[in-house]
C-alpha atoms as a PDB file:
ATOM      1  CA  MET A   1     153.089   4.388 -19.191  1.00  0.00           C
ATOM      2  CA  ALA A   2     153.719   4.837 -22.918  1.00  0.00           C
ATOM      3  CA  GLU A   3     155.793   2.349 -24.941  1.00  0.00           C
ATOM      4  CA  THR A   4     159.242   3.382 -26.032  1.00  0.00           C
ATOM      5  CA  ASP A   5     161.372   1.875 -28.887  1.00  0.00           C
ATOM      6  CA  GLY A   6     159.011  -1.019 -29.257  1.00  0.00           C
ATOM      7  CA  ALA A   7     159.540  -2.164 -25.588  1.00  0.00           C
ATOM      8  CA  PRO A   8     156.478  -3.631 -23.839  1.00  0.00           C
ATOM      9  CA  PRO A   9     154.658  -1.196 -21.580  1.00  0.00           C
ATOM     10  CA  SER A  10     155.659  -1.220 -17.881  1.00  0.00           C
ATOM     11  CA  PRO A  11     153.079  -3.019 -15.741  1.00  0.00           C
ATOM     12  CA  PRO A  12     150.962  -0.609 -13.638  1.00  0.00           C
ATOM     13  CA  LEU A  13     152.161   0.377 -10.225  1.00  0.00           C
ATOM     14  CA  ARG A  14     150.117  -1.506  -7.683  1.00  0.00           C
ATOM     15  CA  THR A  15     149.181   1.295  -5.378  1.00  0.00           C
ATOM     16  CA  LEU A  16     148.079   1.551  -1.773  1.00  0.00           C
ATOM     17  CA  ILE A  17     146.463   4.840  -0.550  1.00  0.00           C
ATOM     18  CA  VAL A  18     146.924   5.735   3.154  1.00  0.00           C
ATOM     19  CA  ASP A  19     144.975   8.617   4.664  1.00  0.00           C
ATOM     20  CA  ASP A  20     142.837   8.946   7.830  1.00  0.00           C
ATOM     21  CA  GLU A  21     140.318  11.226   6.092  1.00  0.00           C
ATOM     22  CA  PRO A  22     137.699   9.307   4.106  1.00  0.00           C
ATOM     23  CA  LEU A  23     137.025  12.220   1.741  1.00  0.00           C
ATOM     24  CA  ALA A  24     140.743  12.505   1.006  1.00  0.00           C
ATOM     25  CA  VAL A  25     140.959   8.779   0.249  1.00  0.00           C
ATOM     26  CA  GLU A  26     137.961   9.054  -2.081  1.00  0.00           C
ATOM     27  CA  ARG A  27     139.514  12.047  -3.908  1.00  0.00           C
ATOM     28  CA  MET A  28     142.790  10.156  -4.280  1.00  0.00           C
ATOM     29  CA  GLN A  29     140.970   7.144  -5.741  1.00  0.00           C
ATOM     30  CA  VAL A  30     139.268   9.443  -8.311  1.00  0.00           C
ATOM     31  CA  ILE A  31     142.537  11.063  -9.250  1.00  0.00           C
ATOM     32  CA  CYS A  32     144.356   7.685  -9.505  1.00  0.00           C
ATOM     33  CA  SER A  33     141.691   6.324 -11.771  1.00  0.00           C
ATOM     34  CA  ARG A  34     142.654   9.025 -14.274  1.00  0.00           C
ATOM     35  CA  ILE A  35     146.396   8.450 -14.122  1.00  0.00           C
ATOM     36  CA  GLU A  36     148.010   6.056 -16.589  1.00  0.00           C
ATOM     37  CA  GLY A  37     150.345   3.618 -15.078  1.00  0.00           C
ATOM     38  CA  ILE A  38     148.904   2.956 -11.586  1.00  0.00           C
ATOM     39  CA  THR A  39     146.136   0.753 -10.238  1.00  0.00           C
ATOM     40  CA  VAL A  40     144.824   1.102  -6.650  1.00  0.00           C
ATOM     41  CA  ILE A  41     144.839  -2.236  -4.848  1.00  0.00           C
ATOM     42  CA  GLY A  42     143.680  -1.017  -1.369  1.00  0.00           C
ATOM     43  CA  THR A  43     143.385   1.807   1.157  1.00  0.00           C
ATOM     44  CA  ALA A  44     144.246   2.211   4.815  1.00  0.00           C
ATOM     45  CA  SER A  45     143.141   4.821   7.338  1.00  0.00           C
ATOM     46  CA  ASP A  46     146.116   4.615   9.741  1.00  0.00           C
ATOM     47  CA  GLY A  47     149.745   3.738   9.836  1.00  0.00           C
ATOM     48  CA  GLN A  48     149.431   0.316  11.497  1.00  0.00           C
ATOM     49  CA  ALA A  49     146.829  -0.771   9.021  1.00  0.00           C
ATOM     50  CA  ALA A  50     149.093   0.432   6.265  1.00  0.00           C
ATOM     51  CA  LEU A  51     151.958  -1.672   7.455  1.00  0.00           C
ATOM     52  CA  ARG A  52     149.764  -4.725   7.650  1.00  0.00           C
ATOM     53  CA  LEU A  53     148.423  -4.209   4.111  1.00  0.00           C
ATOM     54  CA  ILE A  54     151.930  -3.542   2.765  1.00  0.00           C
ATOM     55  CA  GLU A  55     153.118  -6.825   4.154  1.00  0.00           C
ATOM     56  CA  ALA A  56     150.043  -8.688   2.838  1.00  0.00           C
ATOM     57  CA  LEU A  57     149.628  -7.094  -0.573  1.00  0.00           C
ATOM     58  CA  GLY A  58     153.248  -6.090  -1.474  1.00  0.00           C
ATOM     59  CA  PRO A  59     152.343  -2.822  -3.345  1.00  0.00           C
ATOM     60  CA  ASP A  60     154.804  -1.068  -5.685  1.00  0.00           C
ATOM     61  CA  LEU A  61     153.773   2.384  -4.468  1.00  0.00           C
ATOM     62  CA  VAL A  62     152.293   3.966  -1.308  1.00  0.00           C
ATOM     63  CA  LEU A  63     150.548   7.303  -1.400  1.00  0.00           C
ATOM     64  CA  LEU A  64     151.106   8.187   2.237  1.00  0.00           C
ATOM     65  CA  ASP A  65     149.570  10.892   4.330  1.00  0.00           C
ATOM     66  CA  LEU A  66     151.916  12.401   6.967  1.00  0.00           C
ATOM     67  CA  THR A  67     149.602  13.329   9.866  1.00  0.00           C
ATOM     68  CA  MET A  68     147.644  10.439  11.208  1.00  0.00           C
ATOM     69  CA  PRO A  69     146.772   9.454  14.742  1.00  0.00           C
ATOM     70  CA  GLU A  70     149.121   7.061  16.670  1.00  0.00           C
ATOM     71  CA  THR A  71     151.406   5.899  13.776  1.00  0.00           C
ATOM     72  CA  ASP A  72     152.045   8.770  11.411  1.00  0.00           C
ATOM     73  CA  GLY A  73     153.373   8.676   7.866  1.00  0.00           C
ATOM     74  CA  LEU A  74     157.032   9.347   8.796  1.00  0.00           C
ATOM     75  CA  THR A  75     156.947   6.397  11.204  1.00  0.00           C
ATOM     76  CA  VAL A  76     155.557   4.152   8.436  1.00  0.00           C
ATOM     77  CA  ALA A  77     158.297   5.246   6.109  1.00  0.00           C
ATOM     78  CA  ARG A  78     160.996   4.624   8.669  1.00  0.00           C
ATOM     79  CA  GLN A  79     159.763   1.063   9.138  1.00  0.00           C
ATOM     80  CA  LEU A  80     159.714   0.402   5.441  1.00  0.00           C
ATOM     81  CA  GLY A  81     163.206   1.779   5.079  1.00  0.00           C
ATOM     82  CA  GLY A  82     164.766  -1.330   6.567  1.00  0.00           C
ATOM     83  CA  GLN A  83     162.887  -3.808   4.471  1.00  0.00           C
ATOM     84  CA  ALA A  84     163.952  -5.505   1.212  1.00  0.00           C
ATOM     85  CA  ASN A  85     161.826  -4.655  -1.760  1.00  0.00           C
ATOM     86  CA  ALA A  86     160.035  -1.862   0.094  1.00  0.00           C
ATOM     87  CA  PRO A  87     157.476  -0.018  -1.992  1.00  0.00           C
ATOM     88  CA  ALA A  88     158.194   3.503  -3.277  1.00  0.00           C
ATOM     89  CA  VAL A  89     156.640   6.191  -1.103  1.00  0.00           C
ATOM     90  CA  ILE A  90     155.036   9.507  -2.249  1.00  0.00           C
ATOM     91  CA  PHE A  91     154.052  11.641   0.674  1.00  0.00           C
ATOM     92  CA  VAL A  92     150.673  13.431   0.248  1.00  0.00           C
ATOM     93  CA  THR A  93     150.135  16.038   2.823  1.00  0.00           C
ATOM     94  CA  ALA A  94     148.889  19.537   3.624  1.00  0.00           C
ATOM     95  CA  HIS A  95     152.130  20.380   5.497  1.00  0.00           C
ATOM     96  CA  ASP A  96     155.317  21.445   3.741  1.00  0.00           C
ATOM     97  CA  GLU A  97     157.546  21.636   6.834  1.00  0.00           C
ATOM     98  CA  PHE A  98     158.447  17.887   6.836  1.00  0.00           C
ATOM     99  CA  ALA A  99     159.962  17.832   3.398  1.00  0.00           C
ATOM    100  CA  VAL A 100     163.580  17.524   4.468  1.00  0.00           C
ATOM    101  CA  GLU A 101     162.890  14.590   6.847  1.00  0.00           C
ATOM    102  CA  ALA A 102     160.676  12.938   4.207  1.00  0.00           C
ATOM    103  CA  PHE A 103     163.473  12.914   1.612  1.00  0.00           C
ATOM    104  CA  ASP A 104     165.947  11.714   4.256  1.00  0.00           C
ATOM    105  CA  LEU A 105     163.585   8.653   4.350  1.00  0.00           C
ATOM    106  CA  ASP A 106     164.102   8.146   0.569  1.00  0.00           C
ATOM    107  CA  ALA A 107     160.652   9.298  -0.401  1.00  0.00           C
ATOM    108  CA  VAL A 108     160.266   9.594  -4.173  1.00  0.00           C
ATOM    109  CA  ASP A 109     158.264  12.741  -3.986  1.00  0.00           C
ATOM    110  CA  TYR A 110     156.333  15.046  -1.578  1.00  0.00           C
ATOM    111  CA  VAL A 111     152.958  16.277  -3.014  1.00  0.00           C
ATOM    112  CA  LEU A 112     150.963  19.023  -1.280  1.00  0.00           C
ATOM    113  CA  LYS A 113     147.243  18.926  -0.806  1.00  0.00           C
ATOM    114  CA  PRO A 114     144.927  19.771  -2.539  1.00  0.00           C
ATOM    115  CA  VAL A 115     146.468  17.340  -4.991  1.00  0.00           C
ATOM    116  CA  ALA A 116     146.513  18.387  -8.591  1.00  0.00           C
ATOM    117  CA  PRO A 117     146.217  15.447 -10.987  1.00  0.00           C
ATOM    118  CA  ASP A 118     149.128  16.587 -13.138  1.00  0.00           C
ATOM    119  CA  ARG A 119     151.290  17.052 -10.058  1.00  0.00           C
ATOM    120  CA  LEU A 120     150.637  13.458  -8.966  1.00  0.00           C
ATOM    121  CA  GLN A 121     151.257  12.324 -12.531  1.00  0.00           C
ATOM    122  CA  ARG A 122     154.717  13.841 -12.417  1.00  0.00           C
ATOM    123  CA  ALA A 123     155.412  12.038  -9.161  1.00  0.00           C
ATOM    124  CA  VAL A 124     154.335   8.747 -10.625  1.00  0.00           C
ATOM    125  CA  VAL A 125     156.674   9.306 -13.549  1.00  0.00           C
ATOM    126  CA  ARG A 126     159.514   9.659 -11.004  1.00  0.00           C
ATOM    127  CA  VAL A 127     158.564   6.387  -9.411  1.00  0.00           C
ATOM    128  CA  VAL A 128     158.595   4.558 -12.723  1.00  0.00           C
ATOM    129  CA  ALA A 129     161.990   6.088 -13.536  1.00  0.00           C
ATOM    130  CA  ARG A 130     163.398   4.973 -10.172  1.00  0.00           C
ATOM    131  CA  ARG A 131     162.015   1.463 -10.633  1.00  0.00           C
ATOM    132  CA  GLY A 132     164.044   1.338 -13.861  1.00  0.00           C
ATOM    133  CA  GLU A 133     167.194   2.273 -12.007  1.00  0.00           C
ATOM    134  CA  ARG A 134     167.030  -0.362  -9.303  1.00  0.00           C
ATOM    135  CA  ALA A 135     169.858  -2.313 -11.026  1.00  0.00           C
ATOM    136  CA  GLN A 136     172.147   0.727 -10.795  1.00  0.00           C
ATOM    137  CA  PRO A 137     174.863   1.044  -8.142  1.00  0.00           C
ATOM    138  CA  PRO A 138     173.851   2.413  -4.734  1.00  0.00           C
ATOM    139  CA  ALA A 139     173.354   6.223  -4.606  1.00  0.00           C
ATOM    140  CA  SER A 140     175.948   8.494  -3.083  1.00  0.00           C
ATOM    141  CA  ARG A 141     175.450   9.307   0.654  1.00  0.00           C
ATOM    142  CA  TRP A 142     175.680  13.011  -0.264  1.00  0.00           C
ATOM    143  CA  LEU A 143     172.645  15.073  -1.216  1.00  0.00           C
ATOM    144  CA  ASP A 144     172.322  15.553  -5.046  1.00  0.00           C
ATOM    145  CA  GLU A 145     169.060  17.498  -4.884  1.00  0.00           C
ATOM    146  CA  PHE A 146     166.870  19.590  -2.639  1.00  0.00           C
ATOM    147  CA  TRP A 147     163.071  19.842  -2.567  1.00  0.00           C
ATOM    148  CA  VAL A 148     162.115  23.285  -1.381  1.00  0.00           C
ATOM    149  CA  PRO A 149     158.697  24.907  -0.789  1.00  0.00           C
ATOM    150  CA  HIS A 150     157.855  27.502  -3.432  1.00  0.00           C
ATOM    151  CA  ARG A 151     154.393  29.018  -3.723  1.00  0.00           C
ATOM    152  CA  SER A 152     151.968  26.113  -3.684  1.00  0.00           C
ATOM    153  CA  GLU A 153     154.362  23.233  -4.381  1.00  0.00           C
ATOM    154  CA  LEU A 154     157.806  21.835  -3.861  1.00  0.00           C
ATOM    155  CA  VAL A 155     160.493  22.631  -6.379  1.00  0.00           C
ATOM    156  CA  ARG A 156     163.410  20.336  -7.148  1.00  0.00           C
ATOM    157  CA  VAL A 157     166.771  22.049  -7.072  1.00  0.00           C
ATOM    158  CA  ALA A 158     169.874  20.093  -8.086  1.00  0.00           C
ATOM    159  CA  ALA A 159     172.795  20.478  -5.682  1.00  0.00           C
ATOM    160  CA  ALA A 160     175.137  21.226  -8.512  1.00  0.00           C
ATOM    161  CA  GLU A 161     172.965  24.339  -9.331  1.00  0.00           C
ATOM    162  CA  VAL A 162     173.392  25.878  -5.824  1.00  0.00           C
ATOM    163  CA  HIS A 163     176.392  28.163  -5.751  1.00  0.00           C
ATOM    164  CA  ARG A 164     175.930  29.557  -2.203  1.00  0.00           C
ATOM    165  CA  ILE A 165     174.054  28.623   1.024  1.00  0.00           C
ATOM    166  CA  ASP A 166     173.438  31.260   3.718  1.00  0.00           C
ATOM    167  CA  ALA A 167     172.265  30.661   7.265  1.00  0.00           C
ATOM    168  CA  GLU A 168     169.080  32.504   8.345  1.00  0.00           C
ATOM    169  CA  ARG A 169     168.357  31.375  11.887  1.00  0.00           C
ATOM    170  CA  ASP A 170     166.703  27.967  11.686  1.00  0.00           C
ATOM    171  CA  TYR A 171     166.671  28.209   7.880  1.00  0.00           C
ATOM    172  CA  VAL A 172     169.113  28.166   5.025  1.00  0.00           C
ATOM    173  CA  ARG A 173     168.817  30.138   1.891  1.00  0.00           C
ATOM    174  CA  LEU A 174     169.898  28.356  -1.285  1.00  0.00           C
ATOM    175  CA  HIS A 175     171.180  30.671  -3.986  1.00  0.00           C
ATOM    176  CA  VAL A 176     170.801  29.266  -7.498  1.00  0.00           C
ATOM    177  CA  GLY A 177     172.033  30.598 -10.799  1.00  0.00           C
ATOM    178  CA  GLY A 178     173.156  34.210 -10.661  1.00  0.00           C
ATOM    179  CA  GLN A 179     176.100  35.481 -12.747  1.00  0.00           C
ATOM    180  CA  ALA A 180     177.899  32.716 -14.581  1.00  0.00           C
ATOM    181  CA  ALA A 181     181.629  32.701 -15.400  1.00  0.00           C
ATOM    182  CA  GLY A 182     182.513  35.200 -17.969  1.00  0.00           C
ATOM    183  CA  GLY A 183     180.098  37.859 -16.502  1.00  0.00           C
ATOM    184  CA  GLN A 184     176.906  36.476 -18.167  1.00  0.00           C
ATOM    185  CA  ASN A 185     173.716  36.860 -16.176  1.00  0.00           C
ATOM    186  CA  ALA A 186     172.101  33.511 -15.570  1.00  0.00           C
ATOM    187  CA  GLY A 187     169.018  34.766 -13.691  1.00  0.00           C
ATOM    188  CA  GLY A 188     169.621  34.063 -10.071  1.00  0.00           C
ATOM    189  CA  GLN A 189     166.990  32.903  -7.612  1.00  0.00           C
ATOM    190  CA  SER A 190     166.965  31.841  -3.947  1.00  0.00           C
ATOM    191  CA  TYR A 191     164.888  29.524  -1.893  1.00  0.00           C
ATOM    192  CA  LEU A 192     164.392  29.104   1.884  1.00  0.00           C
ATOM    193  CA  LEU A 193     164.689  25.560   3.383  1.00  0.00           C
ATOM    194  CA  LEU A 194     163.964  24.682   7.077  1.00  0.00           C
ATOM    195  CA  GLN A 195     167.281  23.274   8.042  1.00  0.00           C
ATOM    196  CA  THR A 196     170.237  24.457  10.025  1.00  0.00           C
ATOM    197  CA  ILE A 197     173.395  25.159   8.123  1.00  0.00           C
ATOM    198  CA  THR A 198     175.442  22.812  10.338  1.00  0.00           C
ATOM    199  CA  SER A 199     173.115  19.797   9.848  1.00  0.00           C
ATOM    200  CA  LEU A 200     173.020  20.506   6.087  1.00  0.00           C
ATOM    201  CA  GLU A 201     176.814  20.720   5.823  1.00  0.00           C
ATOM    202  CA  GLU A 202     177.004  17.154   7.056  1.00  0.00           C
ATOM    203  CA  ARG A 203     175.033  15.966   4.084  1.00  0.00           C
ATOM    204  CA  LEU A 204     176.787  17.994   1.398  1.00  0.00           C
ATOM    205  CA  ASP A 205     179.581  16.464  -0.746  1.00  0.00           C
ATOM    206  CA  PRO A 206     182.831  18.075   0.584  1.00  0.00           C
ATOM    207  CA  ASN A 207     184.263  17.690  -2.931  1.00  0.00           C
ATOM    208  CA  LEU A 208     181.559  20.057  -4.240  1.00  0.00           C
ATOM    209  CA  PHE A 209     180.942  22.455  -1.246  1.00  0.00           C
ATOM    210  CA  ILE A 210     183.043  24.172   1.356  1.00  0.00           C
ATOM    211  CA  ARG A 211     182.076  26.071   4.439  1.00  0.00           C
ATOM    212  CA  ILE A 212     183.831  29.458   4.632  1.00  0.00           C
ATOM    213  CA  HIS A 213     182.031  31.073   7.484  1.00  0.00           C
ATOM    214  CA  ARG A 214     179.646  29.922  10.259  1.00  0.00           C
ATOM    215  CA  SER A 215     176.846  31.447   8.203  1.00  0.00           C
ATOM    216  CA  CYS A 216     177.996  30.600   4.670  1.00  0.00           C
ATOM    217  CA  ILE A 217     178.761  27.520   2.444  1.00  0.00           C
ATOM    218  CA  VAL A 218     179.892  27.985  -1.128  1.00  0.00           C
ATOM    219  CA  GLN A 219     180.254  25.704  -4.135  1.00  0.00           C
ATOM    220  CA  ARG A 220     184.058  25.195  -4.655  1.00  0.00           C
ATOM    221  CA  SER A 221     183.847  25.897  -8.327  1.00  0.00           C
ATOM    222  CA  HIS A 222     182.104  29.197  -7.587  1.00  0.00           C
ATOM    223  CA  VAL A 223     185.193  30.561  -5.774  1.00  0.00           C
ATOM    224  CA  SER A 224     187.322  32.448  -8.227  1.00  0.00           C
ATOM    225  CA  GLY A 225     190.053  33.620  -5.863  1.00  0.00           C
ATOM    226  CA  LEU A 226     191.041  34.593  -2.354  1.00  0.00           C
ATOM    227  CA  ARG A 227     191.912  38.148  -1.192  1.00  0.00           C
ATOM    228  CA  HIS A 228     193.849  39.162   1.863  1.00  0.00           C
ATOM    229  CA  GLU A 229     192.215  42.231   3.342  1.00  0.00           C
ATOM    230  CA  GLY A 230     194.891  42.832   5.995  1.00  0.00           C
ATOM    231  CA  LEU A 231     195.167  42.012   9.667  1.00  0.00           C
ATOM    232  CA  GLY A 232     194.617  38.397   8.980  1.00  0.00           C
ATOM    233  CA  VAL A 233     191.232  38.945   7.328  1.00  0.00           C
ATOM    234  CA  TRP A 234     190.565  37.003   4.135  1.00  0.00           C
ATOM    235  CA  SER A 235     187.704  37.063   1.605  1.00  0.00           C
ATOM    236  CA  ALA A 236     186.586  34.575  -1.074  1.00  0.00           C
ATOM    237  CA  GLU A 237     185.948  36.167  -4.441  1.00  0.00           C
ATOM    238  CA  THR A 238     183.149  34.496  -6.320  1.00  0.00           C
ATOM    239  CA  ALA A 239     182.301  34.070 -10.048  1.00  0.00           C
ATOM    240  CA  ASP A 240     179.666  36.687  -9.775  1.00  0.00           C
ATOM    241  CA  GLY A 241     181.861  39.358  -8.384  1.00  0.00           C
ATOM    242  CA  GLU A 242     181.040  39.124  -4.604  1.00  0.00           C
ATOM    243  CA  ALA A 243     183.662  39.131  -1.821  1.00  0.00           C
ATOM    244  CA  LEU A 244     182.523  36.802   1.000  1.00  0.00           C
ATOM    245  CA  ARG A 245     184.231  37.057   4.361  1.00  0.00           C
ATOM    246  CA  ILE A 246     186.086  33.909   5.452  1.00  0.00           C
ATOM    247  CA  GLY A 247     185.744  33.029   9.095  1.00  0.00           C
ATOM    248  CA  ARG A 248     189.033  32.367  11.048  1.00  0.00           C
ATOM    249  CA  THR A 249     187.903  28.886  11.939  1.00  0.00           C
ATOM    250  CA  TYR A 250     187.402  28.007   8.272  1.00  0.00           C
ATOM    251  CA  LEU A 251     190.371  29.799   6.799  1.00  0.00           C
ATOM    252  CA  PRO A 252     192.805  26.808   6.898  1.00  0.00           C
ATOM    253  CA  ALA A 253     190.501  24.617   4.935  1.00  0.00           C
ATOM    254  CA  VAL A 254     189.879  27.308   2.351  1.00  0.00           C
ATOM    255  CA  LYS A 255     193.587  27.981   1.896  1.00  0.00           C
ATOM    256  CA  LYS A 256     194.164  24.235   1.563  1.00  0.00           C
ATOM    257  CA  MET A 257     191.605  24.178  -1.229  1.00  0.00           C
ATOM    258  CA  ALA A 258     193.656  26.857  -2.912  1.00  0.00           C
ATOM    259  CA  GLY A 259     196.860  24.775  -2.365  1.00  0.00           C
ATOM    260  CA  ARG A 260     198.348  27.074   0.281  1.00  0.00           C
END
């Protein structure tokens, strides 16, 4: 990596490639040879071999395939999770449906095959940044970001940018942007994530989000007011002018938020 403010360059990340497909390993070796800041110290073709090499070599980074026979990539990451000084993990896979579980295991990034060199470079930059933060206090237990499939890659969405979450069967739709306070259009966009709304609610900061209906969670700061529709029916008015129905089960908590 490049030097900054006269500081010595960071040592290269000692990297282990794990994939059961020889051609995929070869391709990753070629890509890694062109990326500044990493050096490949070994390869493994299955999960058990990977765990042995990690113990023997102590790599800084593991480029880990997800789908392998017997011991898959998620199992490897789980076993590493309980270890002191565990290497950073970047999942490299052709499957986007395991992204939520991968980030639950504290993966630094999730890169889809076929791997583009610039995409892997960005992931390596994230590893270096995280290595520099190791002395910081432990991270919050609450989600501060989402990684969502979008076109041919995964997009990072900060939790603070999500103003509403809607349930869509086994998925949730994250609504980002939209109309900001003051009526200014901020260019809204939405993303689908394979996750139930109930399981996601458990991982959201209750100081930032509140569930108002069995199929809807909103960011607290996005609620501009409450409106009584009559016959005990209430709606939450949002900063972009919507009126969202409040479920009876969730009404006491919403009123408490408003100090009522």
